[in-house]
Amino acid sequence: MADIDGSWDCVVKSPLGDQKLTLTVTGEGSTFSGTGSGAMGSSDVSGALDGNTMTWKMSVSVPMPMTLDCTATVDGDTLTGSVGAGAFGSFPLSGTRTA
């Protein structure tokens, strides 16, 4: 399992411009939990960890209430992945561990 614990400064490349997200997580076996916060709101997150791949759902309220489907692959202190916004498509996600 990858070491995912910590705080991650992330950016989602969306049609509304770059959306900054701070993801703070702690892994436990094949699951993890924590929080995600940014301009689109803040929510608790929990998901699955399979090797170095994290998958989770996150609720946002701005620009409208929706649930985002997130996937990221951790490689040391960087992560890359995507955020699915339903009918609005999927957007690139990248981040670096800050703590």
PDB file of N, CA and C in Angstrom:
ATOM      1  N   MET A   1       0.831  -1.188   0.000  1.00  0.00           N
ATOM      2  CA  MET A   1       0.000   0.000   0.000  1.00  0.00           C
ATOM      3  C   MET A   1       0.877   1.254   0.000  1.00  0.00           C
ATOM      4  N   ALA A   2       0.435   2.255  -0.701  1.00  0.00           N
ATOM      5  CA  ALA A   2       1.168   3.517  -0.765  1.00  0.00           C
ATOM      6  C   ALA A   2       0.986   4.297   0.530  1.00  0.00           C
ATOM      7  N   ASP A   3       1.975   5.108   0.850  1.00  0.00           N
ATOM      8  CA  ASP A   3       1.873   6.017   1.986  1.00  0.00           C
ATOM      9  C   ASP A   3       1.130   7.256   1.509  1.00  0.00           C
ATOM     10  N   ILE A   4      -0.135   7.387   1.896  1.00  0.00           N
ATOM     11  CA  ILE A   4      -0.945   8.522   1.438  1.00  0.00           C
ATOM     12  C   ILE A   4      -1.173   9.543   2.537  1.00  0.00           C
ATOM     13  N   ASP A   5      -0.758   9.221   3.771  1.00  0.00           N
ATOM     14  CA  ASP A   5      -1.043  10.090   4.910  1.00  0.00           C
ATOM     15  C   ASP A   5      -0.461  11.483   4.718  1.00  0.00           C
ATOM     16  N   GLY A   6      -1.256  12.479   5.070  1.00  0.00           N
ATOM     17  CA  GLY A   6      -0.764  13.847   5.047  1.00  0.00           C
ATOM     18  C   GLY A   6      -1.737  14.811   4.427  1.00  0.00           C
ATOM     19  N   SER A   7      -1.213  15.986   4.174  1.00  0.00           N
ATOM     20  CA  SER A   7      -1.982  17.065   3.553  1.00  0.00           C
ATOM     21  C   SER A   7      -1.446  17.280   2.142  1.00  0.00           C
ATOM     22  N   TRP A   8      -2.341  17.380   1.195  1.00  0.00           N
ATOM     23  CA  TRP A   8      -1.994  17.506  -0.224  1.00  0.00           C
ATOM     24  C   TRP A   8      -2.585  18.790  -0.789  1.00  0.00           C
ATOM     25  N   ASP A   9      -1.762  19.603  -1.425  1.00  0.00           N
ATOM     26  CA  ASP A   9      -2.249  20.777  -2.157  1.00  0.00           C
ATOM     27  C   ASP A   9      -2.514  20.320  -3.585  1.00  0.00           C
ATOM     28  N   CYS A  10      -3.793  20.354  -3.977  1.00  0.00           N
ATOM     29  CA  CYS A  10      -4.209  19.828  -5.275  1.00  0.00           C
ATOM     30  C   CYS A  10      -4.824  20.913  -6.141  1.00  0.00           C
ATOM     31  N   VAL A  11      -4.806  20.660  -7.448  1.00  0.00           N
ATOM     32  CA  VAL A  11      -5.443  21.542  -8.419  1.00  0.00           C
ATOM     33  C   VAL A  11      -6.260  20.679  -9.374  1.00  0.00           C
ATOM     34  N   VAL A  12      -7.515  21.063  -9.572  1.00  0.00           N
ATOM     35  CA  VAL A  12      -8.387  20.428 -10.558  1.00  0.00           C
ATOM     36  C   VAL A  12      -8.527  21.411 -11.715  1.00  0.00           C
ATOM     37  N   LYS A  13      -8.187  20.958 -12.926  1.00  0.00           N
ATOM     38  CA  LYS A  13      -8.286  21.798 -14.131  1.00  0.00           C
ATOM     39  C   LYS A  13      -9.714  21.690 -14.658  1.00  0.00           C
ATOM     40  N   SER A  14     -10.586  22.629 -14.253  1.00  0.00           N
ATOM     41  CA  SER A  14     -11.996  22.574 -14.640  1.00  0.00           C
ATOM     42  C   SER A  14     -12.324  23.678 -15.640  1.00  0.00           C
ATOM     43  N   PRO A  15     -13.487  23.596 -16.288  1.00  0.00           N
ATOM     44  CA  PRO A  15     -13.905  24.661 -17.207  1.00  0.00           C
ATOM     45  C   PRO A  15     -14.073  26.011 -16.495  1.00  0.00           C
ATOM     46  N   LEU A  16     -14.222  25.991 -15.172  1.00  0.00           N
ATOM     47  CA  LEU A  16     -14.339  27.232 -14.404  1.00  0.00           C
ATOM     48  C   LEU A  16     -12.975  27.768 -13.998  1.00  0.00           C
ATOM     49  N   GLY A  17     -11.912  27.179 -14.532  1.00  0.00           N
ATOM     50  CA  GLY A  17     -10.555  27.576 -14.177  1.00  0.00           C
ATOM     51  C   GLY A  17      -9.976  26.597 -13.157  1.00  0.00           C
ATOM     52  N   ASP A  18      -8.750  26.850 -12.759  1.00  0.00           N
ATOM     53  CA  ASP A  18      -8.098  25.991 -11.781  1.00  0.00           C
ATOM     54  C   ASP A  18      -8.818  26.071 -10.440  1.00  0.00           C
ATOM     55  N   GLN A  19      -9.197  24.912  -9.919  1.00  0.00           N
ATOM     56  CA  GLN A  19      -9.867  24.828  -8.621  1.00  0.00           C
ATOM     57  C   GLN A  19      -8.884  24.225  -7.629  1.00  0.00           C
ATOM     58  N   LYS A  20      -8.491  25.007  -6.626  1.00  0.00           N
ATOM     59  CA  LYS A  20      -7.554  24.524  -5.625  1.00  0.00           C
ATOM     60  C   LYS A  20      -8.297  23.737  -4.558  1.00  0.00           C
ATOM     61  N   LEU A  21      -7.678  22.658  -4.114  1.00  0.00           N
ATOM     62  CA  LEU A  21      -8.268  21.743  -3.154  1.00  0.00           C
ATOM     63  C   LEU A  21      -7.178  21.304  -2.188  1.00  0.00           C
ATOM     64  N   THR A  22      -7.472  21.363  -0.912  1.00  0.00           N
ATOM     65  CA  THR A  22      -6.579  20.801   0.086  1.00  0.00           C
ATOM     66  C   THR A  22      -7.199  19.493   0.555  1.00  0.00           C
ATOM     67  N   LEU A  23      -6.470  18.417   0.358  1.00  0.00           N
ATOM     68  CA  LEU A  23      -6.927  17.083   0.723  1.00  0.00           C
ATOM     69  C   LEU A  23      -6.055  16.600   1.875  1.00  0.00           C
ATOM     70  N   THR A  24      -6.682  16.319   3.014  1.00  0.00           N
ATOM     71  CA  THR A  24      -5.955  15.828   4.183  1.00  0.00           C
ATOM     72  C   THR A  24      -6.498  14.444   4.517  1.00  0.00           C
ATOM     73  N   VAL A  25      -5.623  13.432   4.409  1.00  0.00           N
ATOM     74  CA  VAL A  25      -6.093  12.050   4.551  1.00  0.00           C
ATOM     75  C   VAL A  25      -5.170  11.201   5.420  1.00  0.00           C
ATOM     76  N   THR A  26      -5.762  10.159   5.953  1.00  0.00           N
ATOM     77  CA  THR A  26      -5.040   9.141   6.711  1.00  0.00           C
ATOM     78  C   THR A  26      -5.500   7.779   6.219  1.00  0.00           C
ATOM     79  N   GLY A  27      -4.546   6.953   5.816  1.00  0.00           N
ATOM     80  CA  GLY A  27      -4.876   5.621   5.331  1.00  0.00           C
ATOM     81  C   GLY A  27      -4.872   4.600   6.444  1.00  0.00           C
ATOM     82  N   GLU A  28      -5.718   3.579   6.273  1.00  0.00           N
ATOM     83  CA  GLU A  28      -5.763   2.464   7.221  1.00  0.00           C
ATOM     84  C   GLU A  28      -6.071   1.201   6.437  1.00  0.00           C
ATOM     85  N   GLY A  29      -5.031   0.448   6.123  1.00  0.00           N
ATOM     86  CA  GLY A  29      -5.217  -0.756   5.318  1.00  0.00           C
ATOM     87  C   GLY A  29      -5.647  -0.409   3.907  1.00  0.00           C
ATOM     88  N   SER A  30      -6.812  -0.901   3.505  1.00  0.00           N
ATOM     89  CA  SER A  30      -7.296  -0.658   2.143  1.00  0.00           C
ATOM     90  C   SER A  30      -8.312   0.473   2.073  1.00  0.00           C
ATOM     91  N   THR A  31      -8.396   1.295   3.128  1.00  0.00           N
ATOM     92  CA  THR A  31      -9.309   2.443   3.125  1.00  0.00           C
ATOM     93  C   THR A  31      -8.581   3.679   3.634  1.00  0.00           C
ATOM     94  N   PHE A  32      -9.201   4.827   3.434  1.00  0.00           N
ATOM     95  CA  PHE A  32      -8.673   6.074   3.983  1.00  0.00           C
ATOM     96  C   PHE A  32      -9.831   7.009   4.292  1.00  0.00           C
ATOM     97  N   SER A  33      -9.559   8.016   5.100  1.00  0.00           N
ATOM     98  CA  SER A  33     -10.566   9.028   5.413  1.00  0.00           C
ATOM     99  C   SER A  33      -9.865  10.349   5.662  1.00  0.00           C
ATOM    100  N   GLY A  34     -10.640  11.427   5.635  1.00  0.00           N
ATOM    101  CA  GLY A  34     -10.089  12.746   5.863  1.00  0.00           C
ATOM    102  C   GLY A  34     -11.059  13.826   5.431  1.00  0.00           C
ATOM    103  N   THR A  35     -10.493  14.952   4.975  1.00  0.00           N
ATOM    104  CA  THR A  35     -11.308  16.074   4.525  1.00  0.00           C
ATOM    105  C   THR A  35     -10.761  16.628   3.212  1.00  0.00           C
ATOM    106  N   GLY A  36     -11.657  17.218   2.455  1.00  0.00           N
ATOM    107  CA  GLY A  36     -11.302  17.939   1.245  1.00  0.00           C
ATOM    108  C   GLY A  36     -11.929  19.315   1.325  1.00  0.00           C
ATOM    109  N   SER A  37     -11.135  20.359   1.117  1.00  0.00           N
ATOM    110  CA  SER A  37     -11.695  21.703   1.197  1.00  0.00           C
ATOM    111  C   SER A  37     -11.092  22.600   0.121  1.00  0.00           C
ATOM    112  N   GLY A  38     -11.932  23.518  -0.353  1.00  0.00           N
ATOM    113  CA  GLY A  38     -11.513  24.468  -1.376  1.00  0.00           C
ATOM    114  C   GLY A  38     -12.625  25.454  -1.622  1.00  0.00           C
ATOM    115  N   ALA A  39     -12.503  26.215  -2.699  1.00  0.00           N
ATOM    116  CA  ALA A  39     -13.496  27.235  -3.030  1.00  0.00           C
ATOM    117  C   ALA A  39     -14.874  26.624  -3.296  1.00  0.00           C
ATOM    118  N   MET A  40     -14.912  25.338  -3.675  1.00  0.00           N
ATOM    119  CA  MET A  40     -16.190  24.685  -3.969  1.00  0.00           C
ATOM    120  C   MET A  40     -16.832  24.111  -2.717  1.00  0.00           C
ATOM    121  N   GLY A  41     -16.227  24.363  -1.548  1.00  0.00           N
ATOM    122  CA  GLY A  41     -16.794  23.866  -0.309  1.00  0.00           C
ATOM    123  C   GLY A  41     -15.858  22.899   0.384  1.00  0.00           C
ATOM    124  N   SER A  42     -16.332  22.372   1.480  1.00  0.00           N
ATOM    125  CA  SER A  42     -15.546  21.443   2.280  1.00  0.00           C
ATOM    126  C   SER A  42     -16.411  20.237   2.615  1.00  0.00           C
ATOM    127  N   SER A  43     -15.790  19.056   2.610  1.00  0.00           N
ATOM    128  CA  SER A  43     -16.555  17.869   2.976  1.00  0.00           C
ATOM    129  C   SER A  43     -15.622  16.792   3.500  1.00  0.00           C
ATOM    130  N   ASP A  44     -16.209  15.893   4.276  1.00  0.00           N
ATOM    131  CA  ASP A  44     -15.481  14.710   4.706  1.00  0.00           C
ATOM    132  C   ASP A  44     -15.311  13.810   3.493  1.00  0.00           C
ATOM    133  N   VAL A  45     -14.183  13.124   3.435  1.00  0.00           N
ATOM    134  CA  VAL A  45     -13.945  12.173   2.356  1.00  0.00           C
ATOM    135  C   VAL A  45     -13.551  10.831   2.962  1.00  0.00           C
ATOM    136  N   SER A  46     -13.935   9.785   2.294  1.00  0.00           N
ATOM    137  CA  SER A  46     -13.478   8.448   2.649  1.00  0.00           C
ATOM    138  C   SER A  46     -13.507   7.630   1.377  1.00  0.00           C
ATOM    139  N   GLY A  47     -12.587   6.707   1.285  1.00  0.00           N
ATOM    140  CA  GLY A  47     -12.532   5.941   0.059  1.00  0.00           C
ATOM    141  C   GLY A  47     -11.685   4.705   0.188  1.00  0.00           C
ATOM    142  N   ALA A  48     -11.349   4.142  -0.971  1.00  0.00           N
ATOM    143  CA  ALA A  48     -10.597   2.902  -1.049  1.00  0.00           C
ATOM    144  C   ALA A  48      -9.178   3.175  -1.517  1.00  0.00           C
ATOM    145  N   LEU A  49      -8.274   2.340  -1.038  1.00  0.00           N
ATOM    146  CA  LEU A  49      -6.876   2.403  -1.435  1.00  0.00           C
ATOM    147  C   LEU A  49      -6.502   1.036  -1.980  1.00  0.00           C
ATOM    148  N   ASP A  50      -6.107   1.000  -3.254  1.00  0.00           N
ATOM    149  CA  ASP A  50      -5.722  -0.245  -3.910  1.00  0.00           C
ATOM    150  C   ASP A  50      -4.315  -0.050  -4.457  1.00  0.00           C
ATOM    151  N   GLY A  51      -3.316  -0.565  -3.746  1.00  0.00           N
ATOM    152  CA  GLY A  51      -1.929  -0.315  -4.132  1.00  0.00           C
ATOM    153  C   GLY A  51      -1.625   1.151  -3.924  1.00  0.00           C
ATOM    154  N   ASN A  52      -1.311   1.862  -5.002  1.00  0.00           N
ATOM    155  CA  ASN A  52      -1.051   3.301  -4.892  1.00  0.00           C
ATOM    156  C   ASN A  52      -2.174   4.137  -5.515  1.00  0.00           C
ATOM    157  N   THR A  53      -3.353   3.527  -5.695  1.00  0.00           N
ATOM    158  CA  THR A  53      -4.490   4.227  -6.297  1.00  0.00           C
ATOM    159  C   THR A  53      -5.582   4.478  -5.257  1.00  0.00           C
ATOM    160  N   MET A  54      -5.958   5.743  -5.132  1.00  0.00           N
ATOM    161  CA  MET A  54      -7.015   6.168  -4.219  1.00  0.00           C
ATOM    162  C   MET A  54      -8.282   6.450  -5.029  1.00  0.00           C
ATOM    163  N   THR A  55      -9.439   6.026  -4.529  1.00  0.00           N
ATOM    164  CA  THR A  55     -10.721   6.393  -5.143  1.00  0.00           C
ATOM    165  C   THR A  55     -11.655   6.864  -4.040  1.00  0.00           C
ATOM    166  N   TRP A  56     -12.370   7.958  -4.310  1.00  0.00           N
ATOM    167  CA  TRP A  56     -13.302   8.488  -3.327  1.00  0.00           C
ATOM    168  C   TRP A  56     -14.342   9.369  -3.984  1.00  0.00           C
ATOM    169  N   LYS A  57     -15.402   9.660  -3.236  1.00  0.00           N
ATOM    170  CA  LYS A  57     -16.453  10.583  -3.661  1.00  0.00           C
ATOM    171  C   LYS A  57     -16.399  11.793  -2.740  1.00  0.00           C
ATOM    172  N   MET A  58     -16.720  12.954  -3.301  1.00  0.00           N
ATOM    173  CA  MET A  58     -16.696  14.182  -2.524  1.00  0.00           C
ATOM    174  C   MET A  58     -17.878  15.049  -2.934  1.00  0.00           C
ATOM    175  N   SER A  59     -18.608  15.536  -1.947  1.00  0.00           N
ATOM    176  CA  SER A  59     -19.756  16.406  -2.217  1.00  0.00           C
ATOM    177  C   SER A  59     -19.318  17.859  -2.212  1.00  0.00           C
ATOM    178  N   VAL A  60     -19.813  18.618  -3.186  1.00  0.00           N
ATOM    179  CA  VAL A  60     -19.563  20.061  -3.251  1.00  0.00           C
ATOM    180  C   VAL A  60     -20.900  20.778  -3.395  1.00  0.00           C
ATOM    181  N   SER A  61     -20.908  22.057  -3.049  1.00  0.00           N
ATOM    182  CA  SER A  61     -22.142  22.835  -3.158  1.00  0.00           C
ATOM    183  C   SER A  61     -22.017  23.980  -4.147  1.00  0.00           C
ATOM    184  N   VAL A  62     -20.786  24.297  -4.592  1.00  0.00           N
ATOM    185  CA  VAL A  62     -20.556  25.397  -5.531  1.00  0.00           C
ATOM    186  C   VAL A  62     -19.869  24.831  -6.770  1.00  0.00           C
ATOM    187  N   PRO A  63     -20.268  25.108  -7.980  1.00  0.00           N
ATOM    188  CA  PRO A  63     -21.294  26.076  -8.353  1.00  0.00           C
ATOM    189  C   PRO A  63     -22.720  25.542  -8.187  1.00  0.00           C
ATOM    190  N   MET A  64     -22.846  24.233  -7.948  1.00  0.00           N
ATOM    191  CA  MET A  64     -24.149  23.636  -7.674  1.00  0.00           C
ATOM    192  C   MET A  64     -23.898  22.362  -6.878  1.00  0.00           C
ATOM    193  N   PRO A  65     -24.889  21.909  -6.133  1.00  0.00           N
ATOM    194  CA  PRO A  65     -24.688  20.670  -5.376  1.00  0.00           C
ATOM    195  C   PRO A  65     -24.464  19.477  -6.316  1.00  0.00           C
ATOM    196  N   MET A  66     -23.364  18.742  -6.069  1.00  0.00           N
ATOM    197  CA  MET A  66     -23.088  17.537  -6.850  1.00  0.00           C
ATOM    198  C   MET A  66     -22.072  16.680  -6.107  1.00  0.00           C
ATOM    199  N   THR A  67     -22.017  15.429  -6.498  1.00  0.00           N
ATOM    200  CA  THR A  67     -21.036  14.515  -5.943  1.00  0.00           C
ATOM    201  C   THR A  67     -19.985  14.249  -7.006  1.00  0.00           C
ATOM    202  N   LEU A  68     -18.735  14.461  -6.639  1.00  0.00           N
ATOM    203  CA  LEU A  68     -17.621  14.257  -7.552  1.00  0.00           C
ATOM    204  C   LEU A  68     -17.030  12.870  -7.327  1.00  0.00           C
ATOM    205  N   ASP A  69     -16.665  12.197  -8.413  1.00  0.00           N
ATOM    206  CA  ASP A  69     -16.000  10.896  -8.349  1.00  0.00           C
ATOM    207  C   ASP A  69     -14.518  11.122  -8.626  1.00  0.00           C
ATOM    208  N   CYS A  70     -13.676  10.842  -7.631  1.00  0.00           N
ATOM    209  CA  CYS A  70     -12.256  11.170  -7.715  1.00  0.00           C
ATOM    210  C   CYS A  70     -11.392   9.911  -7.714  1.00  0.00           C
ATOM    211  N   THR A  71     -10.331   9.950  -8.507  1.00  0.00           N
ATOM    212  CA  THR A  71      -9.338   8.883  -8.560  1.00  0.00           C
ATOM    213  C   THR A  71      -7.973   9.532  -8.650  1.00  0.00           C
ATOM    214  N   ALA A  72      -7.011   9.035  -7.869  1.00  0.00           N
ATOM    215  CA  ALA A  72      -5.651   9.574  -7.921  1.00  0.00           C
ATOM    216  C   ALA A  72      -4.649   8.459  -7.667  1.00  0.00           C
ATOM    217  N   THR A  73      -3.521   8.559  -8.343  1.00  0.00           N
ATOM    218  CA  THR A  73      -2.419   7.638  -8.143  1.00  0.00           C
ATOM    219  C   THR A  73      -1.299   8.384  -7.436  1.00  0.00           C
ATOM    220  N   VAL A  74      -0.832   7.806  -6.329  1.00  0.00           N
ATOM    221  CA  VAL A  74       0.209   8.423  -5.518  1.00  0.00           C
ATOM    222  C   VAL A  74       1.567   7.880  -5.932  1.00  0.00           C
ATOM    223  N   ASP A  75       2.524   8.795  -6.134  1.00  0.00           N
ATOM    224  CA  ASP A  75       3.900   8.425  -6.449  1.00  0.00           C
ATOM    225  C   ASP A  75       4.799   9.291  -5.584  1.00  0.00           C
ATOM    226  N   GLY A  76       5.187   8.775  -4.425  1.00  0.00           N
ATOM    227  CA  GLY A  76       5.997   9.555  -3.490  1.00  0.00           C
ATOM    228  C   GLY A  76       5.199  10.712  -2.933  1.00  0.00           C
ATOM    229  N   ASP A  77       5.649  11.935  -3.224  1.00  0.00           N
ATOM    230  CA  ASP A  77       4.982  13.132  -2.725  1.00  0.00           C
ATOM    231  C   ASP A  77       4.157  13.836  -3.792  1.00  0.00           C
ATOM    232  N   THR A  78       3.795  13.118  -4.853  1.00  0.00           N
ATOM    233  CA  THR A  78       2.922  13.684  -5.891  1.00  0.00           C
ATOM    234  C   THR A  78       1.751  12.748  -6.135  1.00  0.00           C
ATOM    235  N   LEU A  79       0.658  13.327  -6.603  1.00  0.00           N
ATOM    236  CA  LEU A  79      -0.477  12.512  -7.026  1.00  0.00           C
ATOM    237  C   LEU A  79      -1.023  13.088  -8.320  1.00  0.00           C
ATOM    238  N   THR A  80      -1.549  12.209  -9.145  1.00  0.00           N
ATOM    239  CA  THR A  80      -2.194  12.605 -10.398  1.00  0.00           C
ATOM    240  C   THR A  80      -3.441  11.756 -10.559  1.00  0.00           C
ATOM    241  N   GLY A  81      -4.442  12.337 -11.181  1.00  0.00           N
ATOM    242  CA  GLY A  81      -5.678  11.596 -11.378  1.00  0.00           C
ATOM    243  C   GLY A  81      -6.719  12.420 -12.077  1.00  0.00           C
ATOM    244  N   SER A  82      -7.985  12.145 -11.736  1.00  0.00           N
ATOM    245  CA  SER A  82      -9.082  12.849 -12.382  1.00  0.00           C
ATOM    246  C   SER A  82     -10.247  12.988 -11.421  1.00  0.00           C
ATOM    247  N   VAL A  83     -11.073  13.983 -11.722  1.00  0.00           N
ATOM    248  CA  VAL A  83     -12.292  14.248 -10.968  1.00  0.00           C
ATOM    249  C   VAL A  83     -13.451  14.192 -11.951  1.00  0.00           C
ATOM    250  N   GLY A  84     -14.372  13.270 -11.725  1.00  0.00           N
ATOM    251  CA  GLY A  84     -15.544  13.131 -12.581  1.00  0.00           C
ATOM    252  C   GLY A  84     -16.698  13.942 -12.020  1.00  0.00           C
ATOM    253  N   ALA A  85     -17.284  14.778 -12.875  1.00  0.00           N
ATOM    254  CA  ALA A  85     -18.389  15.643 -12.462  1.00  0.00           C
ATOM    255  C   ALA A  85     -19.654  15.289 -13.229  1.00  0.00           C
ATOM    256  N   GLY A  86     -19.956  14.012 -13.310  1.00  0.00           N
ATOM    257  CA  GLY A  86     -21.183  13.563 -13.965  1.00  0.00           C
ATOM    258  C   GLY A  86     -21.273  14.009 -15.414  1.00  0.00           C
ATOM    259  N   ALA A  87     -22.393  14.622 -15.777  1.00  0.00           N
ATOM    260  CA  ALA A  87     -22.633  15.059 -17.150  1.00  0.00           C
ATOM    261  C   ALA A  87     -21.670  16.154 -17.602  1.00  0.00           C
ATOM    262  N   PHE A  88     -20.945  16.763 -16.657  1.00  0.00           N
ATOM    263  CA  PHE A  88     -20.016  17.841 -17.004  1.00  0.00           C
ATOM    264  C   PHE A  88     -18.656  17.317 -17.447  1.00  0.00           C
ATOM    265  N   GLY A  89     -18.430  16.021 -17.318  1.00  0.00           N
ATOM    266  CA  GLY A  89     -17.182  15.430 -17.787  1.00  0.00           C
ATOM    267  C   GLY A  89     -16.208  15.142 -16.657  1.00  0.00           C
ATOM    268  N   SER A  90     -14.983  14.869 -17.065  1.00  0.00           N
ATOM    269  CA  SER A  90     -13.911  14.516 -16.148  1.00  0.00           C
ATOM    270  C   SER A  90     -12.761  15.508 -16.330  1.00  0.00           C
ATOM    271  N   PHE A  91     -12.123  15.887 -15.230  1.00  0.00           N
ATOM    272  CA  PHE A  91     -11.097  16.919 -15.259  1.00  0.00           C
ATOM    273  C   PHE A  91      -9.825  16.439 -14.578  1.00  0.00           C
ATOM    274  N   PRO A  92      -8.653  16.845 -15.091  1.00  0.00           N
ATOM    275  CA  PRO A  92      -7.384  16.416 -14.509  1.00  0.00           C
ATOM    276  C   PRO A  92      -7.188  16.943 -13.086  1.00  0.00           C
ATOM    277  N   LEU A  93      -6.595  16.096 -12.245  1.00  0.00           N
ATOM    278  CA  LEU A  93      -6.272  16.416 -10.860  1.00  0.00           C
ATOM    279  C   LEU A  93      -4.778  16.174 -10.660  1.00  0.00           C
ATOM    280  N   SER A  94      -4.104  17.116  -9.993  1.00  0.00           N
ATOM    281  CA  SER A  94      -2.698  16.922  -9.633  1.00  0.00           C
ATOM    282  C   SER A  94      -2.474  17.512  -8.262  1.00  0.00           C
ATOM    283  N   GLY A  95      -1.460  17.006  -7.569  1.00  0.00           N
ATOM    284  CA  GLY A  95      -1.192  17.533  -6.229  1.00  0.00           C
ATOM    285  C   GLY A  95       0.178  17.160  -5.711  1.00  0.00           C
ATOM    286  N   THR A  96       0.597  17.889  -4.677  1.00  0.00           N
ATOM    287  CA  THR A  96       1.844  17.602  -3.995  1.00  0.00           C
ATOM    288  C   THR A  96       1.599  17.568  -2.500  1.00  0.00           C
ATOM    289  N   ARG A  97       2.310  16.675  -1.817  1.00  0.00           N
ATOM    290  CA  ARG A  97       2.170  16.542  -0.378  1.00  0.00           C
ATOM    291  C   ARG A  97       2.888  17.728   0.295  1.00  0.00           C
ATOM    292  N   THR A  98       2.203  18.361   1.247  1.00  0.00           N
ATOM    293  CA  THR A  98       2.793  19.496   1.952  1.00  0.00           C
ATOM    294  C   THR A  98       3.162  19.152   3.380  1.00  0.00           C
ATOM    295  N   ALA A  99       2.602  18.101   3.906  1.00  0.00           N
ATOM    296  CA  ALA A  99       2.919  17.690   5.299  1.00  0.00           C
ATOM    297  C   ALA A  99       2.633  16.215   5.471  1.00  0.00           C
TER     298      ALA A  99
END
